[in-house]
Amino acid sequence: MFELDIRSRKPIYEQLVEKLKQLIINDVMKEDEKLPSVRELAQQLTINPNTIQKAYRELESQGYIYSLKGKGSFVHPVTKSQNKEELTKVREELKKLFAEAMYLGITTEEIQTLLREVEGGEQDD
């Protein structure tokens, strides 16, 4: 499915959250699609099941997935702009990133180009 960087300073569960978000946002994982079980993913990635569980809880709290007792975790149907608190947080984070980018010399045109790439699904990693 994907790889995690065990040498990264970013905690593994955060990396996992980011990777799964990317798969959901880029429509690789579809609405109501079942996520691998905690045990399956832990074996696949050779990491502690508690780490997977923590990532799944975080994704659920952010509204990306939902869980059904005894059935597993699933991709939440797209609910754009339902979570106003999350949207406000993302907007503030974007403002900070844009300000930093412009301070470092990235032009408005370059930012617009990046936005068009994201809209088109052509993200560089």
PDB file of N, CA and C in Angstrom:
ATOM      1  N   MET A   1       0.831  -1.195   0.000  1.00  0.00           N
ATOM      2  CA  MET A   1       0.000   0.000   0.000  1.00  0.00           C
ATOM      3  C   MET A   1       0.875   1.258   0.000  1.00  0.00           C
ATOM      4  N   PHE A   2       1.801   1.354   0.967  1.00  0.00           N
ATOM      5  CA  PHE A   2       2.722   2.479   1.047  1.00  0.00           C
ATOM      6  C   PHE A   2       3.820   2.145   2.036  1.00  0.00           C
ATOM      7  N   GLU A   3       4.817   3.011   2.076  1.00  0.00           N
ATOM      8  CA  GLU A   3       5.938   2.798   2.994  1.00  0.00           C
ATOM      9  C   GLU A   3       6.044   3.959   3.956  1.00  0.00           C
ATOM     10  N   LEU A   4       6.550   3.656   5.161  1.00  0.00           N
ATOM     11  CA  LEU A   4       6.774   4.674   6.172  1.00  0.00           C
ATOM     12  C   LEU A   4       8.277   4.823   6.372  1.00  0.00           C
ATOM     13  N   ASP A   5       8.698   6.017   6.742  1.00  0.00           N
ATOM     14  CA  ASP A   5      10.117   6.281   6.962  1.00  0.00           C
ATOM     15  C   ASP A   5      10.413   6.183   8.453  1.00  0.00           C
ATOM     16  N   ILE A   6      11.000   5.063   8.865  1.00  0.00           N
ATOM     17  CA  ILE A   6      11.255   4.860  10.293  1.00  0.00           C
ATOM     18  C   ILE A   6      12.364   5.767  10.811  1.00  0.00           C
ATOM     19  N   ARG A   7      13.136   6.365   9.912  1.00  0.00           N
ATOM     20  CA  ARG A   7      14.206   7.283  10.333  1.00  0.00           C
ATOM     21  C   ARG A   7      13.722   8.727  10.444  1.00  0.00           C
ATOM     22  N   SER A   8      12.489   8.963  10.027  1.00  0.00           N
ATOM     23  CA  SER A   8      11.945  10.321  10.062  1.00  0.00           C
ATOM     24  C   SER A   8      11.741  10.786  11.500  1.00  0.00           C
ATOM     25  N   ARG A   9      11.821  12.096  11.691  1.00  0.00           N
ATOM     26  CA  ARG A   9      11.556  12.677  13.010  1.00  0.00           C
ATOM     27  C   ARG A   9      10.058  12.676  13.297  1.00  0.00           C
ATOM     28  N   LYS A  10       9.246  12.583  12.246  1.00  0.00           N
ATOM     29  CA  LYS A  10       7.786  12.584  12.412  1.00  0.00           C
ATOM     30  C   LYS A  10       7.353  11.216  12.948  1.00  0.00           C
ATOM     31  N   PRO A  11       6.525  11.196  13.999  1.00  0.00           N
ATOM     32  CA  PRO A  11       6.068   9.915  14.551  1.00  0.00           C
ATOM     33  C   PRO A  11       5.396   9.039  13.489  1.00  0.00           C
ATOM     34  N   ILE A  12       5.524   7.745  13.639  1.00  0.00           N
ATOM     35  CA  ILE A  12       4.996   6.804  12.655  1.00  0.00           C
ATOM     36  C   ILE A  12       3.490   6.955  12.490  1.00  0.00           C
ATOM     37  N   TYR A  13       2.773   7.135  13.611  1.00  0.00           N
ATOM     38  CA  TYR A  13       1.318   7.247  13.478  1.00  0.00           C
ATOM     39  C   TYR A  13       0.938   8.481  12.662  1.00  0.00           C
ATOM     40  N   GLU A  14       1.704   9.582  12.796  1.00  0.00           N
ATOM     41  CA  GLU A  14       1.428  10.792  12.001  1.00  0.00           C
ATOM     42  C   GLU A  14       1.707  10.539  10.525  1.00  0.00           C
ATOM     43  N   GLN A  15       2.782   9.806  10.236  1.00  0.00           N
ATOM     44  CA  GLN A  15       3.089   9.456   8.843  1.00  0.00           C
ATOM     45  C   GLN A  15       1.946   8.633   8.261  1.00  0.00           C
ATOM     46  N   LEU A  16       1.455   7.699   9.065  1.00  0.00           N
ATOM     47  CA  LEU A  16       0.363   6.832   8.627  1.00  0.00           C
ATOM     48  C   LEU A  16      -0.903   7.651   8.362  1.00  0.00           C
ATOM     49  N   VAL A  17      -1.208   8.577   9.249  1.00  0.00           N
ATOM     50  CA  VAL A  17      -2.365   9.458   9.063  1.00  0.00           C
ATOM     51  C   VAL A  17      -2.219  10.227   7.752  1.00  0.00           C
ATOM     52  N   GLU A  18      -1.036  10.814   7.520  1.00  0.00           N
ATOM     53  CA  GLU A  18      -0.790  11.584   6.294  1.00  0.00           C
ATOM     54  C   GLU A  18      -0.956  10.731   5.043  1.00  0.00           C
ATOM     55  N   LYS A  19      -0.369   9.525   5.058  1.00  0.00           N
ATOM     56  CA  LYS A  19      -0.443   8.642   3.884  1.00  0.00           C
ATOM     57  C   LYS A  19      -1.888   8.255   3.590  1.00  0.00           C
ATOM     58  N   LEU A  20      -2.636   7.890   4.635  1.00  0.00           N
ATOM     59  CA  LEU A  20      -4.025   7.493   4.422  1.00  0.00           C
ATOM     60  C   LEU A  20      -4.871   8.671   3.953  1.00  0.00           C
ATOM     61  N   LYS A  21      -4.612   9.853   4.500  1.00  0.00           N
ATOM     62  CA  LYS A  21      -5.323  11.051   4.042  1.00  0.00           C
ATOM     63  C   LYS A  21      -5.072  11.273   2.554  1.00  0.00           C
ATOM     64  N   GLN A  22      -3.801  11.137   2.133  1.00  0.00           N
ATOM     65  CA  GLN A  22      -3.460  11.321   0.714  1.00  0.00           C
ATOM     66  C   GLN A  22      -4.232  10.333  -0.155  1.00  0.00           C
ATOM     67  N   LEU A  23      -4.306   9.079   0.283  1.00  0.00           N
ATOM     68  CA  LEU A  23      -5.028   8.068  -0.491  1.00  0.00           C
ATOM     69  C   LEU A  23      -6.511   8.403  -0.593  1.00  0.00           C
ATOM     70  N   ILE A  24      -7.073   8.928   0.490  1.00  0.00           N
ATOM     71  CA  ILE A  24      -8.493   9.283   0.497  1.00  0.00           C
ATOM     72  C   ILE A  24      -8.732  10.540  -0.337  1.00  0.00           C
ATOM     73  N   ILE A  25      -7.921  11.566  -0.122  1.00  0.00           N
ATOM     74  CA  ILE A  25      -8.086  12.842  -0.840  1.00  0.00           C
ATOM     75  C   ILE A  25      -7.902  12.653  -2.340  1.00  0.00           C
ATOM     76  N   ASN A  26      -6.936  11.830  -2.726  1.00  0.00           N
ATOM     77  CA  ASN A  26      -6.663  11.611  -4.151  1.00  0.00           C
ATOM     78  C   ASN A  26      -7.540  10.527  -4.753  1.00  0.00           C
ATOM     79  N   ASP A  27      -8.556  10.114  -4.011  1.00  0.00           N
ATOM     80  CA  ASP A  27      -9.552   9.155  -4.499  1.00  0.00           C
ATOM     81  C   ASP A  27      -8.976   7.779  -4.814  1.00  0.00           C
ATOM     82  N   VAL A  28      -7.832   7.453  -4.246  1.00  0.00           N
ATOM     83  CA  VAL A  28      -7.289   6.104  -4.413  1.00  0.00           C
ATOM     84  C   VAL A  28      -8.162   5.155  -3.578  1.00  0.00           C
ATOM     85  N   MET A  29      -8.533   5.620  -2.391  1.00  0.00           N
ATOM     86  CA  MET A  29      -9.475   4.885  -1.551  1.00  0.00           C
ATOM     87  C   MET A  29     -10.824   5.580  -1.693  1.00  0.00           C
ATOM     88  N   LYS A  30     -11.842   4.822  -2.051  1.00  0.00           N
ATOM     89  CA  LYS A  30     -13.165   5.376  -2.355  1.00  0.00           C
ATOM     90  C   LYS A  30     -14.059   5.434  -1.121  1.00  0.00           C
ATOM     91  N   GLU A  31     -15.150   6.206  -1.245  1.00  0.00           N
ATOM     92  CA  GLU A  31     -16.146   6.300  -0.174  1.00  0.00           C
ATOM     93  C   GLU A  31     -16.608   4.917   0.251  1.00  0.00           C
ATOM     94  N   ASP A  32     -16.725   4.724   1.554  1.00  0.00           N
ATOM     95  CA  ASP A  32     -17.210   3.483   2.166  1.00  0.00           C
ATOM     96  C   ASP A  32     -16.313   2.271   1.911  1.00  0.00           C
ATOM     97  N   GLU A  33     -15.120   2.490   1.350  1.00  0.00           N
ATOM     98  CA  GLU A  33     -14.174   1.387   1.157  1.00  0.00           C
ATOM     99  C   GLU A  33     -13.607   0.977   2.514  1.00  0.00           C
ATOM    100  N   LYS A  34     -13.496  -0.320   2.718  1.00  0.00           N
ATOM    101  CA  LYS A  34     -12.982  -0.846   3.986  1.00  0.00           C
ATOM    102  C   LYS A  34     -11.473  -0.682   4.041  1.00  0.00           C
ATOM    103  N   LEU A  35     -10.985  -0.161   5.164  1.00  0.00           N
ATOM    104  CA  LEU A  35      -9.543  -0.056   5.392  1.00  0.00           C
ATOM    105  C   LEU A  35      -9.038  -1.403   5.874  1.00  0.00           C
ATOM    106  N   PRO A  36      -7.755  -1.681   5.694  1.00  0.00           N
ATOM    107  CA  PRO A  36      -7.215  -2.937   6.229  1.00  0.00           C
ATOM    108  C   PRO A  36      -7.421  -2.965   7.746  1.00  0.00           C
ATOM    109  N   SER A  37      -7.609  -4.158   8.289  1.00  0.00           N
ATOM    110  CA  SER A  37      -7.768  -4.256   9.740  1.00  0.00           C
ATOM    111  C   SER A  37      -6.473  -3.808  10.408  1.00  0.00           C
ATOM    112  N   VAL A  38      -6.587  -3.459  11.681  1.00  0.00           N
ATOM    113  CA  VAL A  38      -5.414  -3.022  12.443  1.00  0.00           C
ATOM    114  C   VAL A  38      -4.345  -4.109  12.392  1.00  0.00           C
ATOM    115  N   ARG A  39      -4.750  -5.335  12.609  1.00  0.00           N
ATOM    116  CA  ARG A  39      -3.805  -6.459  12.618  1.00  0.00           C
ATOM    117  C   ARG A  39      -3.143  -6.642  11.250  1.00  0.00           C
ATOM    118  N   GLU A  40      -3.963  -6.620  10.183  1.00  0.00           N
ATOM    119  CA  GLU A  40      -3.420  -6.777   8.818  1.00  0.00           C
ATOM    120  C   GLU A  40      -2.368  -5.719   8.513  1.00  0.00           C
ATOM    121  N   LEU A  41      -2.732  -4.446   8.768  1.00  0.00           N
ATOM    122  CA  LEU A  41      -1.833  -3.344   8.440  1.00  0.00           C
ATOM    123  C   LEU A  41      -0.571  -3.384   9.298  1.00  0.00           C
ATOM    124  N   ALA A  42      -0.724  -3.766  10.558  1.00  0.00           N
ATOM    125  CA  ALA A  42       0.437  -3.878  11.451  1.00  0.00           C
ATOM    126  C   ALA A  42       1.419  -4.922  10.920  1.00  0.00           C
ATOM    127  N   GLN A  43       0.886  -6.048  10.435  1.00  0.00           N
ATOM    128  CA  GLN A  43       1.756  -7.092   9.867  1.00  0.00           C
ATOM    129  C   GLN A  43       2.388  -6.622   8.568  1.00  0.00           C
ATOM    130  N   GLN A  44       1.589  -5.975   7.729  1.00  0.00           N
ATOM    131  CA  GLN A  44       2.072  -5.484   6.437  1.00  0.00           C
ATOM    132  C   GLN A  44       3.222  -4.496   6.604  1.00  0.00           C
ATOM    133  N   LEU A  45       3.055  -3.557   7.550  1.00  0.00           N
ATOM    134  CA  LEU A  45       4.042  -2.496   7.741  1.00  0.00           C
ATOM    135  C   LEU A  45       5.060  -2.823   8.830  1.00  0.00           C
ATOM    136  N   THR A  46       4.896  -3.959   9.445  1.00  0.00           N
ATOM    137  CA  THR A  46       5.728  -4.412  10.576  1.00  0.00           C
ATOM    138  C   THR A  46       5.878  -3.332  11.647  1.00  0.00           C
ATOM    139  N   ILE A  47       4.722  -2.837  12.099  1.00  0.00           N
ATOM    140  CA  ILE A  47       4.706  -1.888  13.207  1.00  0.00           C
ATOM    141  C   ILE A  47       3.661  -2.327  14.225  1.00  0.00           C
ATOM    142  N   ASN A  48       3.739  -1.759  15.408  1.00  0.00           N
ATOM    143  CA  ASN A  48       2.864  -2.109  16.511  1.00  0.00           C
ATOM    144  C   ASN A  48       1.400  -1.801  16.181  1.00  0.00           C
ATOM    145  N   PRO A  49       0.491  -2.742  16.455  1.00  0.00           N
ATOM    146  CA  PRO A  49      -0.936  -2.506  16.202  1.00  0.00           C
ATOM    147  C   PRO A  49      -1.481  -1.268  16.930  1.00  0.00           C
ATOM    148  N   ASN A  50      -0.915  -0.947  18.091  1.00  0.00           N
ATOM    149  CA  ASN A  50      -1.368   0.239  18.825  1.00  0.00           C
ATOM    150  C   ASN A  50      -1.115   1.519  18.018  1.00  0.00           C
ATOM    151  N   THR A  51      -0.044   1.517  17.228  1.00  0.00           N
ATOM    152  CA  THR A  51       0.279   2.666  16.373  1.00  0.00           C
ATOM    153  C   THR A  51      -0.792   2.827  15.298  1.00  0.00           C
ATOM    154  N   ILE A  52      -1.208   1.708  14.703  1.00  0.00           N
ATOM    155  CA  ILE A  52      -2.256   1.721  13.679  1.00  0.00           C
ATOM    156  C   ILE A  52      -3.558   2.223  14.310  1.00  0.00           C
ATOM    157  N   GLN A  53      -3.864   1.693  15.489  1.00  0.00           N
ATOM    158  CA  GLN A  53      -5.092   2.071  16.189  1.00  0.00           C
ATOM    159  C   GLN A  53      -5.118   3.572  16.462  1.00  0.00           C
ATOM    160  N   LYS A  54      -3.988   4.113  16.878  1.00  0.00           N
ATOM    161  CA  LYS A  54      -3.885   5.547  17.169  1.00  0.00           C
ATOM    162  C   LYS A  54      -4.121   6.367  15.894  1.00  0.00           C
ATOM    163  N   ALA A  55      -3.542   5.925  14.790  1.00  0.00           N
ATOM    164  CA  ALA A  55      -3.725   6.616  13.504  1.00  0.00           C
ATOM    165  C   ALA A  55      -5.195   6.555  13.079  1.00  0.00           C
ATOM    166  N   TYR A  56      -5.821   5.399  13.216  1.00  0.00           N
ATOM    167  CA  TYR A  56      -7.225   5.250  12.843  1.00  0.00           C
ATOM    168  C   TYR A  56      -8.112   6.150  13.708  1.00  0.00           C
ATOM    169  N   ARG A  57      -7.813   6.228  15.012  1.00  0.00           N
ATOM    170  CA  ARG A  57      -8.592   7.108  15.905  1.00  0.00           C
ATOM    171  C   ARG A  57      -8.461   8.564  15.462  1.00  0.00           C
ATOM    172  N   GLU A  58      -7.238   8.954  15.097  1.00  0.00           N
ATOM    173  CA  GLU A  58      -6.997  10.332  14.649  1.00  0.00           C
ATOM    174  C   GLU A  58      -7.766  10.617  13.353  1.00  0.00           C
ATOM    175  N   LEU A  59      -7.715   9.692  12.408  1.00  0.00           N
ATOM    176  CA  LEU A  59      -8.439   9.857  11.143  1.00  0.00           C
ATOM    177  C   LEU A  59      -9.945   9.934  11.385  1.00  0.00           C
ATOM    178  N   GLU A  60     -10.420   9.148  12.341  1.00  0.00           N
ATOM    179  CA  GLU A  60     -11.848   9.173  12.657  1.00  0.00           C
ATOM    180  C   GLU A  60     -12.237  10.512  13.279  1.00  0.00           C
ATOM    181  N   SER A  61     -11.397  11.018  14.174  1.00  0.00           N
ATOM    182  CA  SER A  61     -11.700  12.303  14.821  1.00  0.00           C
ATOM    183  C   SER A  61     -11.671  13.452  13.807  1.00  0.00           C
ATOM    184  N   GLN A  62     -10.878  13.292  12.748  1.00  0.00           N
ATOM    185  CA  GLN A  62     -10.808  14.322  11.707  1.00  0.00           C
ATOM    186  C   GLN A  62     -11.892  14.142  10.632  1.00  0.00           C
ATOM    187  N   GLY A  63     -12.655  13.055  10.725  1.00  0.00           N
ATOM    188  CA  GLY A  63     -13.757  12.841   9.795  1.00  0.00           C
ATOM    189  C   GLY A  63     -13.398  12.155   8.493  1.00  0.00           C
ATOM    190  N   TYR A  64     -12.208  11.560   8.409  1.00  0.00           N
ATOM    191  CA  TYR A  64     -11.802  10.873   7.176  1.00  0.00           C
ATOM    192  C   TYR A  64     -12.310   9.439   7.106  1.00  0.00           C
ATOM    193  N   ILE A  65     -12.473   8.814   8.273  1.00  0.00           N
ATOM    194  CA  ILE A  65     -12.951   7.440   8.297  1.00  0.00           C
ATOM    195  C   ILE A  65     -14.018   7.303   9.384  1.00  0.00           C
ATOM    196  N   TYR A  66     -14.742   6.190   9.339  1.00  0.00           N
ATOM    197  CA  TYR A  66     -15.687   5.850  10.396  1.00  0.00           C
ATOM    198  C   TYR A  66     -15.525   4.367  10.698  1.00  0.00           C
ATOM    199  N   SER A  67     -15.911   3.985  11.903  1.00  0.00           N
ATOM    200  CA  SER A  67     -15.767   2.596  12.325  1.00  0.00           C
ATOM    201  C   SER A  67     -17.130   1.997  12.633  1.00  0.00           C
ATOM    202  N   LEU A  68     -17.268   0.715  12.300  1.00  0.00           N
ATOM    203  CA  LEU A  68     -18.454  -0.039  12.662  1.00  0.00           C
ATOM    204  C   LEU A  68     -17.994  -1.191  13.543  1.00  0.00           C
ATOM    205  N   LYS A  69     -18.544  -1.263  14.742  1.00  0.00           N
ATOM    206  CA  LYS A  69     -18.133  -2.276  15.704  1.00  0.00           C
ATOM    207  C   LYS A  69     -18.245  -3.678  15.088  1.00  0.00           C
ATOM    208  N   GLY A  70     -17.151  -4.415  15.148  1.00  0.00           N
ATOM    209  CA  GLY A  70     -17.127  -5.777  14.632  1.00  0.00           C
ATOM    210  C   GLY A  70     -16.942  -5.883  13.125  1.00  0.00           C
ATOM    211  N   LYS A  71     -16.995  -4.775  12.412  1.00  0.00           N
ATOM    212  CA  LYS A  71     -16.866  -4.803  10.946  1.00  0.00           C
ATOM    213  C   LYS A  71     -15.595  -4.150  10.450  1.00  0.00           C
ATOM    214  N   GLY A  72     -15.091  -3.130  11.168  1.00  0.00           N
ATOM    215  CA  GLY A  72     -13.858  -2.469  10.764  1.00  0.00           C
ATOM    216  C   GLY A  72     -14.021  -0.986  10.533  1.00  0.00           C
ATOM    217  N   SER A  73     -13.021  -0.406   9.866  1.00  0.00           N
ATOM    218  CA  SER A  73     -12.999   1.026   9.569  1.00  0.00           C
ATOM    219  C   SER A  73     -13.177   1.233   8.071  1.00  0.00           C
ATOM    220  N   PHE A  74     -13.869   2.304   7.728  1.00  0.00           N
ATOM    221  CA  PHE A  74     -14.217   2.583   6.343  1.00  0.00           C
ATOM    222  C   PHE A  74     -13.972   4.051   6.016  1.00  0.00           C
ATOM    223  N   VAL A  75     -13.742   4.327   4.717  1.00  0.00           N
ATOM    224  CA  VAL A  75     -13.559   5.708   4.263  1.00  0.00           C
ATOM    225  C   VAL A  75     -14.892   6.427   4.381  1.00  0.00           C
ATOM    226  N   HIS A  76     -14.870   7.577   5.044  1.00  0.00           N
ATOM    227  CA  HIS A  76     -16.081   8.358   5.247  1.00  0.00           C
ATOM    228  C   HIS A  76     -16.508   8.980   3.929  1.00  0.00           C
ATOM    229  N   PRO A  77     -17.811   8.956   3.613  1.00  0.00           N
ATOM    230  CA  PRO A  77     -18.273   9.639   2.398  1.00  0.00           C
ATOM    231  C   PRO A  77     -17.869  11.112   2.442  1.00  0.00           C
ATOM    232  N   VAL A  78     -17.597  11.685   1.282  1.00  0.00           N
ATOM    233  CA  VAL A  78     -17.114  13.058   1.193  1.00  0.00           C
ATOM    234  C   VAL A  78     -18.139  14.006   1.801  1.00  0.00           C
ATOM    235  N   THR A  79     -17.661  14.787   2.768  1.00  0.00           N
ATOM    236  CA  THR A  79     -18.525  15.766   3.420  1.00  0.00           C
ATOM    237  C   THR A  79     -17.762  17.087   3.458  1.00  0.00           C
ATOM    238  N   LYS A  80     -17.594  17.677   2.299  1.00  0.00           N
ATOM    239  CA  LYS A  80     -16.833  18.916   2.218  1.00  0.00           C
ATOM    240  C   LYS A  80     -17.548  20.016   2.977  1.00  0.00           C
ATOM    241  N   SER A  81     -16.785  20.738   3.752  1.00  0.00           N
ATOM    242  CA  SER A  81     -17.204  21.917   4.521  1.00  0.00           C
ATOM    243  C   SER A  81     -18.171  21.617   5.653  1.00  0.00           C
ATOM    244  N   GLN A  82     -18.371  20.358   6.033  1.00  0.00           N
ATOM    245  CA  GLN A  82     -19.231  20.084   7.177  1.00  0.00           C
ATOM    246  C   GLN A  82     -18.529  20.410   8.479  1.00  0.00           C
ATOM    247  N   ASN A  83     -17.234  20.199   8.529  1.00  0.00           N
ATOM    248  CA  ASN A  83     -16.496  20.425   9.756  1.00  0.00           C
ATOM    249  C   ASN A  83     -15.871  21.816   9.732  1.00  0.00           C
ATOM    250  N   LYS A  84     -16.624  22.796  10.200  1.00  0.00           N
ATOM    251  CA  LYS A  84     -16.183  24.194  10.147  1.00  0.00           C
ATOM    252  C   LYS A  84     -14.912  24.430  10.961  1.00  0.00           C
ATOM    253  N   GLU A  85     -14.809  23.760  12.087  1.00  0.00           N
ATOM    254  CA  GLU A  85     -13.626  23.917  12.939  1.00  0.00           C
ATOM    255  C   GLU A  85     -12.370  23.445  12.201  1.00  0.00           C
ATOM    256  N   GLU A  86     -12.466  22.311  11.545  1.00  0.00           N
ATOM    257  CA  GLU A  86     -11.333  21.760  10.789  1.00  0.00           C
ATOM    258  C   GLU A  86     -10.991  22.676   9.613  1.00  0.00           C
ATOM    259  N   LEU A  87     -12.007  23.195   8.933  1.00  0.00           N
ATOM    260  CA  LEU A  87     -11.775  24.114   7.812  1.00  0.00           C
ATOM    261  C   LEU A  87     -11.057  25.375   8.271  1.00  0.00           C
ATOM    262  N   THR A  88     -11.474  25.909   9.399  1.00  0.00           N
ATOM    263  CA  THR A  88     -10.833  27.112   9.936  1.00  0.00           C
ATOM    264  C   THR A  88      -9.374  26.835  10.237  1.00  0.00           C
ATOM    265  N   LYS A  89      -9.100  25.670  10.830  1.00  0.00           N
ATOM    266  CA  LYS A  89      -7.723  25.288  11.168  1.00  0.00           C
ATOM    267  C   LYS A  89      -6.873  25.170   9.900  1.00  0.00           C
ATOM    268  N   VAL A  90      -7.430  24.539   8.867  1.00  0.00           N
ATOM    269  CA  VAL A  90      -6.698  24.364   7.606  1.00  0.00           C
ATOM    270  C   VAL A  90      -6.437  25.723   6.952  1.00  0.00           C
ATOM    271  N   ARG A  91      -7.433  26.599   6.965  1.00  0.00           N
ATOM    272  CA  ARG A  91      -7.254  27.939   6.384  1.00  0.00           C
ATOM    273  C   ARG A  91      -6.125  28.700   7.078  1.00  0.00           C
ATOM    274  N   GLU A  92      -6.114  28.650   8.405  1.00  0.00           N
ATOM    275  CA  GLU A  92      -5.068  29.342   9.166  1.00  0.00           C
ATOM    276  C   GLU A  92      -3.692  28.757   8.848  1.00  0.00           C
ATOM    277  N   GLU A  93      -3.617  27.441   8.743  1.00  0.00           N
ATOM    278  CA  GLU A  93      -2.353  26.776   8.422  1.00  0.00           C
ATOM    279  C   GLU A  93      -1.889  27.179   7.016  1.00  0.00           C
ATOM    280  N   LEU A  94      -2.834  27.236   6.065  1.00  0.00           N
ATOM    281  CA  LEU A  94      -2.494  27.659   4.704  1.00  0.00           C
ATOM    282  C   LEU A  94      -1.966  29.090   4.682  1.00  0.00           C
ATOM    283  N   LYS A  95      -2.600  29.977   5.448  1.00  0.00           N
ATOM    284  CA  LYS A  95      -2.133  31.364   5.515  1.00  0.00           C
ATOM    285  C   LYS A  95      -0.688  31.413   5.993  1.00  0.00           C
ATOM    286  N   LYS A  96      -0.382  30.653   7.034  1.00  0.00           N
ATOM    287  CA  LYS A  96       0.988  30.622   7.559  1.00  0.00           C
ATOM    288  C   LYS A  96       1.960  30.099   6.502  1.00  0.00           C
ATOM    289  N   LEU A  97       1.565  29.017   5.827  1.00  0.00           N
ATOM    290  CA  LEU A  97       2.435  28.425   4.809  1.00  0.00           C
ATOM    291  C   LEU A  97       2.640  29.374   3.624  1.00  0.00           C
ATOM    292  N   PHE A  98       1.557  30.033   3.192  1.00  0.00           N
ATOM    293  CA  PHE A  98       1.683  30.994   2.097  1.00  0.00           C
ATOM    294  C   PHE A  98       2.607  32.137   2.487  1.00  0.00           C
ATOM    295  N   ALA A  99       2.447  32.663   3.701  1.00  0.00           N
ATOM    296  CA  ALA A  99       3.292  33.770   4.163  1.00  0.00           C
ATOM    297  C   ALA A  99       4.756  33.343   4.195  1.00  0.00           C
ATOM    298  N   GLU A 100       5.013  32.130   4.700  1.00  0.00           N
ATOM    299  CA  GLU A 100       6.391  31.626   4.758  1.00  0.00           C
ATOM    300  C   GLU A 100       6.958  31.433   3.353  1.00  0.00           C
ATOM    301  N   ALA A 101       6.139  30.858   2.461  1.00  0.00           N
ATOM    302  CA  ALA A 101       6.583  30.623   1.092  1.00  0.00           C
ATOM    303  C   ALA A 101       6.941  31.941   0.400  1.00  0.00           C
ATOM    304  N   MET A 102       6.087  32.947   0.581  1.00  0.00           N
ATOM    305  CA  MET A 102       6.331  34.238  -0.052  1.00  0.00           C
ATOM    306  C   MET A 102       7.564  34.906   0.549  1.00  0.00           C
ATOM    307  N   TYR A 103       7.747  34.759   1.844  1.00  0.00           N
ATOM    308  CA  TYR A 103       8.937  35.297   2.508  1.00  0.00           C
ATOM    309  C   TYR A 103      10.199  34.664   1.936  1.00  0.00           C
ATOM    310  N   LEU A 104      10.112  33.359   1.618  1.00  0.00           N
ATOM    311  CA  LEU A 104      11.271  32.633   1.092  1.00  0.00           C
ATOM    312  C   LEU A 104      11.457  32.844  -0.408  1.00  0.00           C
ATOM    313  N   GLY A 105      10.545  33.606  -1.028  1.00  0.00           N
ATOM    314  CA  GLY A 105      10.749  33.962  -2.425  1.00  0.00           C
ATOM    315  C   GLY A 105       9.869  33.260  -3.435  1.00  0.00           C
ATOM    316  N   ILE A 106       8.936  32.457  -2.993  1.00  0.00           N
ATOM    317  CA  ILE A 106       8.029  31.816  -3.944  1.00  0.00           C
ATOM    318  C   ILE A 106       7.015  32.862  -4.394  1.00  0.00           C
ATOM    319  N   THR A 107       6.822  32.958  -5.699  1.00  0.00           N
ATOM    320  CA  THR A 107       5.916  33.973  -6.237  1.00  0.00           C
ATOM    321  C   THR A 107       4.467  33.493  -6.177  1.00  0.00           C
ATOM    322  N   THR A 108       3.565  34.457  -6.303  1.00  0.00           N
ATOM    323  CA  THR A 108       2.135  34.157  -6.332  1.00  0.00           C
ATOM    324  C   THR A 108       1.828  33.213  -7.491  1.00  0.00           C
ATOM    325  N   GLU A 109       2.491  33.446  -8.620  1.00  0.00           N
ATOM    326  CA  GLU A 109       2.270  32.597  -9.798  1.00  0.00           C
ATOM    327  C   GLU A 109       2.684  31.150  -9.510  1.00  0.00           C
ATOM    328  N   GLU A 110       3.812  30.977  -8.809  1.00  0.00           N
ATOM    329  CA  GLU A 110       4.258  29.625  -8.472  1.00  0.00           C
ATOM    330  C   GLU A 110       3.265  28.943  -7.526  1.00  0.00           C
ATOM    331  N   ILE A 111       2.725  29.706  -6.594  1.00  0.00           N
ATOM    332  CA  ILE A 111       1.725  29.149  -5.671  1.00  0.00           C
ATOM    333  C   ILE A 111       0.482  28.734  -6.450  1.00  0.00           C
ATOM    334  N   GLN A 112       0.062  29.568  -7.397  1.00  0.00           N
ATOM    335  CA  GLN A 112      -1.106  29.240  -8.220  1.00  0.00           C
ATOM    336  C   GLN A 112      -0.850  27.993  -9.058  1.00  0.00           C
ATOM    337  N   THR A 113       0.369  27.850  -9.580  1.00  0.00           N
ATOM    338  CA  THR A 113       0.738  26.659 -10.350  1.00  0.00           C
ATOM    339  C   THR A 113       0.651  25.421  -9.465  1.00  0.00           C
ATOM    340  N   LEU A 114       1.161  25.531  -8.248  1.00  0.00           N
ATOM    341  CA  LEU A 114       1.090  24.405  -7.310  1.00  0.00           C
ATOM    342  C   LEU A 114      -0.362  24.035  -7.014  1.00  0.00           C
ATOM    343  N   LEU A 115      -1.199  25.040  -6.835  1.00  0.00           N
ATOM    344  CA  LEU A 115      -2.613  24.791  -6.569  1.00  0.00           C
ATOM    345  C   LEU A 115      -3.264  24.062  -7.744  1.00  0.00           C
ATOM    346  N   ARG A 116      -2.942  24.492  -8.962  1.00  0.00           N
ATOM    347  CA  ARG A 116      -3.492  23.819 -10.152  1.00  0.00           C
ATOM    348  C   ARG A 116      -3.019  22.369 -10.219  1.00  0.00           C
ATOM    349  N   GLU A 117      -1.760  22.109  -9.819  1.00  0.00           N
ATOM    350  CA  GLU A 117      -1.241  20.735  -9.801  1.00  0.00           C
ATOM    351  C   GLU A 117      -2.024  19.881  -8.820  1.00  0.00           C
ATOM    352  N   VAL A 118      -2.314  20.450  -7.644  1.00  0.00           N
ATOM    353  CA  VAL A 118      -3.065  19.712  -6.635  1.00  0.00           C
ATOM    354  C   VAL A 118      -4.479  19.440  -7.126  1.00  0.00           C
ATOM    355  N   GLU A 119      -5.098  20.438  -7.750  1.00  0.00           N
ATOM    356  CA  GLU A 119      -6.458  20.273  -8.303  1.00  0.00           C
ATOM    357  C   GLU A 119      -6.488  19.169  -9.354  1.00  0.00           C
ATOM    358  N   GLY A 120      -5.418  19.105 -10.133  1.00  0.00           N
ATOM    359  CA  GLY A 120      -5.332  18.102 -11.197  1.00  0.00           C
ATOM    360  C   GLY A 120      -4.866  16.748 -10.701  1.00  0.00           C
ATOM    361  N   GLY A 121      -4.512  16.665  -9.426  1.00  0.00           N
ATOM    362  CA  GLY A 121      -4.073  15.398  -8.862  1.00  0.00           C
ATOM    363  C   GLY A 121      -2.634  15.052  -9.162  1.00  0.00           C
ATOM    364  N   GLU A 122      -1.859  16.035  -9.633  1.00  0.00           N
ATOM    365  CA  GLU A 122      -0.463  15.778  -9.990  1.00  0.00           C
ATOM    366  C   GLU A 122       0.459  16.229  -8.858  1.00  0.00           C
ATOM    367  N   GLN A 123       0.380  15.549  -7.705  1.00  0.00           N
ATOM    368  CA  GLN A 123       1.201  15.951  -6.568  1.00  0.00           C
ATOM    369  C   GLN A 123       2.566  15.311  -6.644  1.00  0.00           C
ATOM    370  N   ASP A 124       3.582  16.104  -6.331  1.00  0.00           N
ATOM    371  CA  ASP A 124       4.940  15.581  -6.218  1.00  0.00           C
ATOM    372  C   ASP A 124       5.158  15.217  -4.774  1.00  0.00           C
ATOM    373  N   ASP A 125       5.845  14.108  -4.530  1.00  0.00           N
ATOM    374  CA  ASP A 125       6.141  13.706  -3.163  1.00  0.00           C
ATOM    375  C   ASP A 125       7.614  13.620  -2.924  1.00  0.00           C
TER     376      ASP A 125
END
